[in-house]
Amino acid sequence: MFFWVTFDPTLFLVGMRRNEGDGFTFYKLCGMLDSAASVVGMNPCRQVGFAKLAAQHVGPEHFNWLTSCPTVLGSLRSFCLWHPPAPQARLVDRKKILELRPESSVDVSTNDILTSHLLLKSRFGYGYMSINLRNRGLGPSDSNAGNYIHRVHLAPPDFSHPAGIRKSIAGSVFCGQNKPPGVCESICLRHGLVSNWSKFFQEVSLPDCSHVSHMPILPHPLPGFGLILIFKPNRDQLAVYYTMRHKEAFQDVSASPVLGPIFSPFQR
């Protein structure tokens, strides 16, 4: 028997209200389904005051930007633009990523290189990257279930090179080096999310079953101008799921040399 795992972040936590669980929580619970895994307890109670601490850690301006009135209006405006094409998932060519590694004294990761490259290809005027805030001195740890993520905000100077990505997430305050867009920019600017779930991946072994692939499933179309999701279909592969409301940008991402064949969970 073969199986594949899907992930809809709005549906996966039984008994929890919508969006109260993040990717870390899903993969942690999913990993416990493995017949050889240890089942450990997780605290489902929300940490009191976490949002205030997170705002101080991320920076109040960046923390509140995505839910501010101008940004919400800009996201609603995106629905009035052309309907985005169907999302695409492509396997990543790791050798091509190594060719993009810059010659610098800053130690950058595969994620830094891939994030910078794809944000440039996406033609976003502003980007934000989800980051897990557990084990960062704010209280929540790996034993806390729920939603403990927030965003690293990235202006073009931050994501124009991999070292800028590394600098933005390596400091004590997780935000780019620039202030978030102003009122008019927030309404009109093309912006999008990039998130990396690959480090959470855990292959699940069930009795008389063989793991084939993992595929994230998200609502489509989402508000806003684009989404880039890095994930692992299985232990040895890396893939990118993406969609955006800009035809030329979608074509640019699709033509990226680091993206290989189209990925389908039904192919073996």
C-alpha atoms as a PDB file:
ATOM      1  CA  MET A   1       0.000   0.000   0.000  1.00  0.00           C
ATOM      2  CA  PHE A   2       1.188   3.503  -0.809  1.00  0.00           C
ATOM      3  CA  PHE A   3       0.098   6.816   0.620  1.00  0.00           C
ATOM      4  CA  TRP A   4       0.717  10.511   0.258  1.00  0.00           C
ATOM      5  CA  VAL A   5       0.081  13.296   2.753  1.00  0.00           C
ATOM      6  CA  THR A   6      -1.618  16.618   2.035  1.00  0.00           C
ATOM      7  CA  PHE A   7      -1.648  19.723   4.190  1.00  0.00           C
ATOM      8  CA  ASP A   8      -4.349  22.381   4.332  1.00  0.00           C
ATOM      9  CA  PRO A   9      -3.305  24.777   7.133  1.00  0.00           C
ATOM     10  CA  THR A  10      -6.939  25.803   7.726  1.00  0.00           C
ATOM     11  CA  LEU A  11      -8.200  22.272   8.302  1.00  0.00           C
ATOM     12  CA  PHE A  12      -5.562  20.002   9.762  1.00  0.00           C
ATOM     13  CA  LEU A  13      -6.046  20.437  13.525  1.00  0.00           C
ATOM     14  CA  VAL A  14      -9.118  18.600  14.728  1.00  0.00           C
ATOM     15  CA  GLY A  15     -10.728  20.345  17.710  1.00  0.00           C
ATOM     16  CA  MET A  16      -8.907  23.635  17.137  1.00  0.00           C
ATOM     17  CA  ARG A  17     -10.433  26.697  15.545  1.00  0.00           C
ATOM     18  CA  ARG A  18      -9.394  27.871  12.113  1.00  0.00           C
ATOM     19  CA  ASN A  19      -5.750  28.988  11.737  1.00  0.00           C
ATOM     20  CA  GLU A  20      -4.818  28.189  15.341  1.00  0.00           C
ATOM     21  CA  GLY A  21      -2.150  25.720  14.273  1.00  0.00           C
ATOM     22  CA  ASP A  22       0.988  26.414  12.247  1.00  0.00           C
ATOM     23  CA  GLY A  23       3.172  24.210  10.071  1.00  0.00           C
ATOM     24  CA  PHE A  24       5.383  23.193  12.974  1.00  0.00           C
ATOM     25  CA  THR A  25       2.367  21.870  14.892  1.00  0.00           C
ATOM     26  CA  PHE A  26       1.080  19.926  11.896  1.00  0.00           C
ATOM     27  CA  TYR A  27       4.389  18.213  11.169  1.00  0.00           C
ATOM     28  CA  LYS A  28       4.958  17.479  14.849  1.00  0.00           C
ATOM     29  CA  LEU A  29       1.586  15.747  15.132  1.00  0.00           C
ATOM     30  CA  CYS A  30       1.933  14.057  11.762  1.00  0.00           C
ATOM     31  CA  GLY A  31       5.329  12.664  12.779  1.00  0.00           C
ATOM     32  CA  MET A  32       3.755  10.960  15.777  1.00  0.00           C
ATOM     33  CA  LEU A  33       1.740   8.773  13.387  1.00  0.00           C
ATOM     34  CA  ASP A  34       4.951   6.910  12.570  1.00  0.00           C
ATOM     35  CA  SER A  35       4.857   3.437  14.097  1.00  0.00           C
ATOM     36  CA  ALA A  36       8.365   3.915  15.510  1.00  0.00           C
ATOM     37  CA  ALA A  37       7.827   7.472  16.824  1.00  0.00           C
ATOM     38  CA  SER A  38       7.330   8.423  20.435  1.00  0.00           C
ATOM     39  CA  VAL A  39       4.052  10.140  21.250  1.00  0.00           C
ATOM     40  CA  VAL A  40       4.726  13.263  23.305  1.00  0.00           C
ATOM     41  CA  GLY A  41       2.300  15.671  24.897  1.00  0.00           C
ATOM     42  CA  MET A  42       1.936  19.212  23.526  1.00  0.00           C
ATOM     43  CA  ASN A  43       0.433  22.135  25.381  1.00  0.00           C
ATOM     44  CA  PRO A  44      -2.590  23.475  23.438  1.00  0.00           C
ATOM     45  CA  CYS A  45      -3.108  26.501  25.718  1.00  0.00           C
ATOM     46  CA  ARG A  46      -2.153  29.809  24.167  1.00  0.00           C
ATOM     47  CA  GLN A  47       0.659  31.601  25.979  1.00  0.00           C
ATOM     48  CA  VAL A  48      -0.746  34.760  27.553  1.00  0.00           C
ATOM     49  CA  GLY A  49       0.945  37.913  26.251  1.00  0.00           C
ATOM     50  CA  PHE A  50       2.746  36.196  23.367  1.00  0.00           C
ATOM     51  CA  ALA A  51       1.489  38.673  20.742  1.00  0.00           C
ATOM     52  CA  LYS A  52       2.925  41.612  22.723  1.00  0.00           C
ATOM     53  CA  LEU A  53       6.310  39.908  23.101  1.00  0.00           C
ATOM     54  CA  ALA A  54       6.324  38.947  19.412  1.00  0.00           C
ATOM     55  CA  ALA A  55       5.564  42.552  18.425  1.00  0.00           C
ATOM     56  CA  GLN A  56       8.566  43.734  20.452  1.00  0.00           C
ATOM     57  CA  HIS A  57      10.743  41.016  18.899  1.00  0.00           C
ATOM     58  CA  VAL A  58       9.671  41.582  15.299  1.00  0.00           C
ATOM     59  CA  GLY A  59       9.227  45.335  15.625  1.00  0.00           C
ATOM     60  CA  PRO A  60       5.773  46.963  16.049  1.00  0.00           C
ATOM     61  CA  GLU A  61       5.694  48.542  12.573  1.00  0.00           C
ATOM     62  CA  HIS A  62       6.482  45.271  10.841  1.00  0.00           C
ATOM     63  CA  PHE A  63       4.285  43.238  13.199  1.00  0.00           C
ATOM     64  CA  ASN A  64       1.152  45.262  12.380  1.00  0.00           C
ATOM     65  CA  TRP A  65       1.798  46.049   8.706  1.00  0.00           C
ATOM     66  CA  LEU A  66       0.053  43.073   7.066  1.00  0.00           C
ATOM     67  CA  THR A  67      -3.168  43.626   9.051  1.00  0.00           C
ATOM     68  CA  SER A  68      -3.174  47.421   8.705  1.00  0.00           C
ATOM     69  CA  CYS A  69      -6.042  49.029   6.789  1.00  0.00           C
ATOM     70  CA  PRO A  70      -3.981  50.109   3.716  1.00  0.00           C
ATOM     71  CA  THR A  71      -2.436  46.632   3.333  1.00  0.00           C
ATOM     72  CA  VAL A  72      -5.820  44.911   3.715  1.00  0.00           C
ATOM     73  CA  LEU A  73      -7.260  47.255   1.079  1.00  0.00           C
ATOM     74  CA  GLY A  74      -4.337  46.404  -1.184  1.00  0.00           C
ATOM     75  CA  SER A  75      -4.997  42.687  -0.719  1.00  0.00           C
ATOM     76  CA  LEU A  76      -8.683  43.178  -1.532  1.00  0.00           C
ATOM     77  CA  ARG A  77      -7.635  45.194  -4.580  1.00  0.00           C
ATOM     78  CA  SER A  78      -5.702  42.170  -5.790  1.00  0.00           C
ATOM     79  CA  PHE A  79      -9.004  40.292  -6.241  1.00  0.00           C
ATOM     80  CA  CYS A  80      -9.987  42.875  -8.853  1.00  0.00           C
ATOM     81  CA  LEU A  81      -6.965  41.993 -10.966  1.00  0.00           C
ATOM     82  CA  TRP A  82      -6.809  39.039 -13.315  1.00  0.00           C
ATOM     83  CA  HIS A  83      -7.330  35.597 -11.861  1.00  0.00           C
ATOM     84  CA  PRO A  84      -3.972  33.912 -11.226  1.00  0.00           C
ATOM     85  CA  PRO A  85      -3.126  30.731 -13.125  1.00  0.00           C
ATOM     86  CA  ALA A  86      -3.364  27.416 -11.342  1.00  0.00           C
ATOM     87  CA  PRO A  87      -0.576  26.959  -8.769  1.00  0.00           C
ATOM     88  CA  GLN A  88       2.410  25.005  -9.935  1.00  0.00           C
ATOM     89  CA  ALA A  89       4.761  22.730  -8.006  1.00  0.00           C
ATOM     90  CA  ARG A  90       8.268  22.117  -9.347  1.00  0.00           C
ATOM     91  CA  LEU A  91      11.160  20.040  -8.109  1.00  0.00           C
ATOM     92  CA  VAL A  92      14.330  21.967  -7.200  1.00  0.00           C
ATOM     93  CA  ASP A  93      17.659  21.285  -8.880  1.00  0.00           C
ATOM     94  CA  ARG A  94      20.098  21.419  -5.952  1.00  0.00           C
ATOM     95  CA  LYS A  95      23.139  21.589  -8.264  1.00  0.00           C
ATOM     96  CA  LYS A  96      21.791  24.782  -9.814  1.00  0.00           C
ATOM     97  CA  ILE A  97      21.354  26.292  -6.348  1.00  0.00           C
ATOM     98  CA  LEU A  98      25.018  25.614  -5.607  1.00  0.00           C
ATOM     99  CA  GLU A  99      25.932  27.473  -8.791  1.00  0.00           C
ATOM    100  CA  LEU A 100      24.108  30.516  -7.420  1.00  0.00           C
ATOM    101  CA  ARG A 101      26.029  30.458  -4.138  1.00  0.00           C
ATOM    102  CA  PRO A 102      27.806  33.835  -3.874  1.00  0.00           C
ATOM    103  CA  GLU A 103      31.500  34.182  -3.162  1.00  0.00           C
ATOM    104  CA  SER A 104      31.368  36.079   0.110  1.00  0.00           C
ATOM    105  CA  SER A 105      32.466  35.789   3.716  1.00  0.00           C
ATOM    106  CA  VAL A 106      28.833  35.466   4.859  1.00  0.00           C
ATOM    107  CA  ASP A 107      27.751  31.859   5.394  1.00  0.00           C
ATOM    108  CA  VAL A 108      24.404  31.471   3.603  1.00  0.00           C
ATOM    109  CA  SER A 109      22.081  28.471   3.492  1.00  0.00           C
ATOM    110  CA  THR A 110      20.274  26.800   0.599  1.00  0.00           C
ATOM    111  CA  ASN A 111      17.100  28.473   1.866  1.00  0.00           C
ATOM    112  CA  ASP A 112      18.773  31.916   1.789  1.00  0.00           C
ATOM    113  CA  ILE A 113      19.855  31.395  -1.819  1.00  0.00           C
ATOM    114  CA  LEU A 114      16.533  29.971  -2.977  1.00  0.00           C
ATOM    115  CA  THR A 115      14.463  32.621  -1.166  1.00  0.00           C
ATOM    116  CA  SER A 116      16.493  35.491  -2.608  1.00  0.00           C
ATOM    117  CA  HIS A 117      16.425  34.028  -6.116  1.00  0.00           C
ATOM    118  CA  LEU A 118      12.675  33.364  -6.171  1.00  0.00           C
ATOM    119  CA  LEU A 119      11.724  36.726  -4.646  1.00  0.00           C
ATOM    120  CA  LEU A 120      13.725  38.462  -7.371  1.00  0.00           C
ATOM    121  CA  LYS A 121      12.075  36.343 -10.062  1.00  0.00           C
ATOM    122  CA  SER A 122       8.621  37.067  -8.604  1.00  0.00           C
ATOM    123  CA  ARG A 123       9.021  40.828  -9.161  1.00  0.00           C
ATOM    124  CA  PHE A 124       7.636  41.537  -5.700  1.00  0.00           C
ATOM    125  CA  GLY A 125       8.149  45.076  -4.473  1.00  0.00           C
ATOM    126  CA  TYR A 126       8.001  43.720  -0.929  1.00  0.00           C
ATOM    127  CA  GLY A 127       8.212  40.241   0.541  1.00  0.00           C
ATOM    128  CA  TYR A 128       7.695  38.567   3.893  1.00  0.00           C
ATOM    129  CA  MET A 129       8.895  35.224   5.155  1.00  0.00           C
ATOM    130  CA  SER A 130       7.198  33.132   7.839  1.00  0.00           C
ATOM    131  CA  ILE A 131       9.438  32.272  10.773  1.00  0.00           C
ATOM    132  CA  ASN A 132       8.911  29.965  13.740  1.00  0.00           C
ATOM    133  CA  LEU A 133       9.218  31.950  16.990  1.00  0.00           C
ATOM    134  CA  ARG A 134       9.563  28.921  19.270  1.00  0.00           C
ATOM    135  CA  ASN A 135      12.776  28.573  21.285  1.00  0.00           C
ATOM    136  CA  ARG A 136      13.677  32.235  20.741  1.00  0.00           C
ATOM    137  CA  GLY A 137      13.368  33.486  24.294  1.00  0.00           C
ATOM    138  CA  LEU A 138       9.692  34.415  23.970  1.00  0.00           C
ATOM    139  CA  GLY A 139       8.337  31.498  26.007  1.00  0.00           C
ATOM    140  CA  PRO A 140       6.983  28.957  23.480  1.00  0.00           C
ATOM    141  CA  SER A 141       9.077  25.842  22.856  1.00  0.00           C
ATOM    142  CA  ASP A 142       8.703  22.684  20.784  1.00  0.00           C
ATOM    143  CA  SER A 143       6.170  21.416  23.326  1.00  0.00           C
ATOM    144  CA  ASN A 144       3.693  24.221  22.505  1.00  0.00           C
ATOM    145  CA  ALA A 145       0.969  23.451  19.960  1.00  0.00           C
ATOM    146  CA  GLY A 146      -0.744  26.313  18.189  1.00  0.00           C
ATOM    147  CA  ASN A 147       0.293  29.216  16.004  1.00  0.00           C
ATOM    148  CA  TYR A 148       3.612  30.769  17.038  1.00  0.00           C
ATOM    149  CA  ILE A 149       4.881  32.096  13.735  1.00  0.00           C
ATOM    150  CA  HIS A 150       5.314  35.585  12.399  1.00  0.00           C
ATOM    151  CA  ARG A 151       6.882  37.340   9.451  1.00  0.00           C
ATOM    152  CA  VAL A 152      10.301  38.619   8.520  1.00  0.00           C
ATOM    153  CA  HIS A 153       9.668  41.593   6.239  1.00  0.00           C
ATOM    154  CA  LEU A 154      11.963  41.996   3.257  1.00  0.00           C
ATOM    155  CA  ALA A 155      12.311  45.035   1.019  1.00  0.00           C
ATOM    156  CA  PRO A 156      14.226  44.630  -2.274  1.00  0.00           C
ATOM    157  CA  PRO A 157      17.559  45.659  -0.659  1.00  0.00           C
ATOM    158  CA  ASP A 158      17.030  42.835   1.879  1.00  0.00           C
ATOM    159  CA  PHE A 159      16.266  40.062  -0.627  1.00  0.00           C
ATOM    160  CA  SER A 160      18.435  41.183  -3.560  1.00  0.00           C
ATOM    161  CA  HIS A 161      21.189  38.810  -2.378  1.00  0.00           C
ATOM    162  CA  PRO A 162      21.295  35.736  -0.077  1.00  0.00           C
ATOM    163  CA  ALA A 163      23.396  37.535   2.539  1.00  0.00           C
ATOM    164  CA  GLY A 164      20.535  40.019   2.988  1.00  0.00           C
ATOM    165  CA  ILE A 165      18.162  37.173   3.801  1.00  0.00           C
ATOM    166  CA  ARG A 166      20.652  35.737   6.299  1.00  0.00           C
ATOM    167  CA  LYS A 167      21.139  39.134   7.981  1.00  0.00           C
ATOM    168  CA  SER A 168      17.384  39.716   8.282  1.00  0.00           C
ATOM    169  CA  ILE A 169      16.752  36.468  10.180  1.00  0.00           C
ATOM    170  CA  ALA A 170      19.988  36.228  12.154  1.00  0.00           C
ATOM    171  CA  GLY A 171      19.564  39.257  14.418  1.00  0.00           C
ATOM    172  CA  SER A 172      17.703  39.635  17.683  1.00  0.00           C
ATOM    173  CA  VAL A 173      14.902  41.569  15.948  1.00  0.00           C
ATOM    174  CA  PHE A 174      13.513  39.739  12.923  1.00  0.00           C
ATOM    175  CA  CYS A 175      12.793  42.379  10.343  1.00  0.00           C
ATOM    176  CA  GLY A 176      14.532  43.818   7.330  1.00  0.00           C
ATOM    177  CA  GLN A 177      16.717  46.857   7.424  1.00  0.00           C
ATOM    178  CA  ASN A 178      13.993  49.144   6.056  1.00  0.00           C
ATOM    179  CA  LYS A 179      10.673  50.410   7.379  1.00  0.00           C
ATOM    180  CA  PRO A 180       7.512  48.777   5.966  1.00  0.00           C
ATOM    181  CA  PRO A 181       5.752  50.514   3.042  1.00  0.00           C
ATOM    182  CA  GLY A 182       3.680  53.612   3.683  1.00  0.00           C
ATOM    183  CA  VAL A 183      -0.055  54.072   3.107  1.00  0.00           C
ATOM    184  CA  CYS A 184      -0.089  54.561  -0.676  1.00  0.00           C
ATOM    185  CA  GLU A 185       2.581  51.918  -1.270  1.00  0.00           C
ATOM    186  CA  SER A 186       0.731  49.387   0.870  1.00  0.00           C
ATOM    187  CA  ILE A 187      -2.392  49.812  -1.266  1.00  0.00           C
ATOM    188  CA  CYS A 188      -0.620  49.586  -4.631  1.00  0.00           C
ATOM    189  CA  LEU A 189       2.548  47.561  -4.024  1.00  0.00           C
ATOM    190  CA  ARG A 190       2.929  43.972  -5.261  1.00  0.00           C
ATOM    191  CA  HIS A 191       3.890  41.911  -2.234  1.00  0.00           C
ATOM    192  CA  GLY A 192       3.939  38.230  -1.388  1.00  0.00           C
ATOM    193  CA  LEU A 193       4.800  35.504   1.082  1.00  0.00           C
ATOM    194  CA  VAL A 194       7.624  32.996   0.980  1.00  0.00           C
ATOM    195  CA  SER A 195       7.674  30.171   3.523  1.00  0.00           C
ATOM    196  CA  ASN A 196       9.936  27.160   4.044  1.00  0.00           C
ATOM    197  CA  TRP A 197       8.404  23.965   5.438  1.00  0.00           C
ATOM    198  CA  SER A 198      11.199  21.661   4.307  1.00  0.00           C
ATOM    199  CA  LYS A 199      12.991  21.604   7.670  1.00  0.00           C
ATOM    200  CA  PHE A 200       9.833  20.303   9.374  1.00  0.00           C
ATOM    201  CA  PHE A 201       9.484  17.308   7.057  1.00  0.00           C
ATOM    202  CA  GLN A 202       9.417  13.878   8.616  1.00  0.00           C
ATOM    203  CA  GLU A 203       8.788  10.719   6.662  1.00  0.00           C
ATOM    204  CA  VAL A 204       5.969   8.729   8.262  1.00  0.00           C
ATOM    205  CA  SER A 205       6.091   4.939   8.201  1.00  0.00           C
ATOM    206  CA  LEU A 206       2.789   3.113   8.625  1.00  0.00           C
ATOM    207  CA  PRO A 207       2.298  -0.669   8.807  1.00  0.00           C
ATOM    208  CA  ASP A 208       2.199  -2.292   5.344  1.00  0.00           C
ATOM    209  CA  CYS A 209       2.544   1.125   3.688  1.00  0.00           C
ATOM    210  CA  SER A 210       5.248   2.917   1.728  1.00  0.00           C
ATOM    211  CA  HIS A 211       5.595   6.694   1.692  1.00  0.00           C
ATOM    212  CA  VAL A 212       5.269   8.101  -1.833  1.00  0.00           C
ATOM    213  CA  SER A 213       5.171  11.877  -1.465  1.00  0.00           C
ATOM    214  CA  HIS A 214       3.947  14.843   0.533  1.00  0.00           C
ATOM    215  CA  MET A 215       2.077  17.686  -1.155  1.00  0.00           C
ATOM    216  CA  PRO A 216       0.893  20.926   0.499  1.00  0.00           C
ATOM    217  CA  ILE A 217      -2.681  21.918  -0.329  1.00  0.00           C
ATOM    218  CA  LEU A 218      -3.729  25.550   0.105  1.00  0.00           C
ATOM    219  CA  PRO A 219      -6.838  27.569  -0.819  1.00  0.00           C
ATOM    220  CA  HIS A 220      -6.702  29.122  -4.294  1.00  0.00           C
ATOM    221  CA  PRO A 221      -6.786  31.923  -5.127  1.00  0.00           C
ATOM    222  CA  LEU A 222      -5.429  33.560  -1.993  1.00  0.00           C
ATOM    223  CA  PRO A 223      -5.663  37.345  -1.492  1.00  0.00           C
ATOM    224  CA  GLY A 224      -2.516  39.254  -2.288  1.00  0.00           C
ATOM    225  CA  PHE A 225      -0.167  39.019  -5.224  1.00  0.00           C
ATOM    226  CA  GLY A 226       1.706  35.808  -4.673  1.00  0.00           C
ATOM    227  CA  LEU A 227       2.850  32.852  -2.618  1.00  0.00           C
ATOM    228  CA  ILE A 228       6.071  30.825  -2.742  1.00  0.00           C
ATOM    229  CA  LEU A 229       6.236  27.692  -0.597  1.00  0.00           C
ATOM    230  CA  ILE A 230       9.385  25.572  -0.242  1.00  0.00           C
ATOM    231  CA  PHE A 231       8.721  22.008   0.903  1.00  0.00           C
ATOM    232  CA  LYS A 232       9.982  18.428   0.788  1.00  0.00           C
ATOM    233  CA  PRO A 233       7.884  15.901  -1.158  1.00  0.00           C
ATOM    234  CA  ASN A 234      10.038  13.178   0.375  1.00  0.00           C
ATOM    235  CA  ARG A 235      13.284  12.738   2.265  1.00  0.00           C
ATOM    236  CA  ASP A 236      15.635  13.331  -0.673  1.00  0.00           C
ATOM    237  CA  GLN A 237      13.847  15.972  -2.750  1.00  0.00           C
ATOM    238  CA  LEU A 238      13.114  19.681  -2.474  1.00  0.00           C
ATOM    239  CA  ALA A 239      10.255  21.390  -4.297  1.00  0.00           C
ATOM    240  CA  VAL A 240       8.588  24.786  -4.687  1.00  0.00           C
ATOM    241  CA  TYR A 241       4.840  25.487  -4.826  1.00  0.00           C
ATOM    242  CA  TYR A 242       4.019  28.929  -6.237  1.00  0.00           C
ATOM    243  CA  THR A 243       1.262  31.124  -7.610  1.00  0.00           C
ATOM    244  CA  MET A 244       1.058  34.863  -8.363  1.00  0.00           C
ATOM    245  CA  ARG A 245      -1.195  37.458  -9.997  1.00  0.00           C
ATOM    246  CA  HIS A 246       1.345  38.726 -12.505  1.00  0.00           C
ATOM    247  CA  LYS A 247       1.655  36.806 -15.758  1.00  0.00           C
ATOM    248  CA  GLU A 248       5.202  37.834 -16.599  1.00  0.00           C
ATOM    249  CA  ALA A 249       6.398  37.210 -13.029  1.00  0.00           C
ATOM    250  CA  PHE A 250       4.757  33.767 -13.025  1.00  0.00           C
ATOM    251  CA  GLN A 251       6.533  33.001 -16.292  1.00  0.00           C
ATOM    252  CA  ASP A 252       9.846  34.269 -14.888  1.00  0.00           C
ATOM    253  CA  VAL A 253       9.574  31.994 -11.848  1.00  0.00           C
ATOM    254  CA  SER A 254       8.568  29.065 -14.071  1.00  0.00           C
ATOM    255  CA  ALA A 255      11.636  29.676 -16.264  1.00  0.00           C
ATOM    256  CA  SER A 256      14.036  29.728 -13.298  1.00  0.00           C
ATOM    257  CA  PRO A 257      17.047  27.454 -13.877  1.00  0.00           C
ATOM    258  CA  VAL A 258      16.796  26.108 -10.318  1.00  0.00           C
ATOM    259  CA  LEU A 259      13.330  24.656 -10.964  1.00  0.00           C
ATOM    260  CA  GLY A 260      13.198  21.266 -12.619  1.00  0.00           C
ATOM    261  CA  PRO A 261      10.290  19.000 -13.608  1.00  0.00           C
ATOM    262  CA  ILE A 262       6.705  19.633 -12.545  1.00  0.00           C
ATOM    263  CA  PHE A 263       5.975  17.731  -9.362  1.00  0.00           C
ATOM    264  CA  SER A 264       2.854  15.611  -8.956  1.00  0.00           C
ATOM    265  CA  PRO A 265       2.169  13.479  -5.878  1.00  0.00           C
ATOM    266  CA  PHE A 266       0.654  10.832  -8.145  1.00  0.00           C
ATOM    267  CA  GLN A 267       3.906  10.212 -10.030  1.00  0.00           C
ATOM    268  CA  ARG A 268       6.300   7.603  -8.670  1.00  0.00           C
END
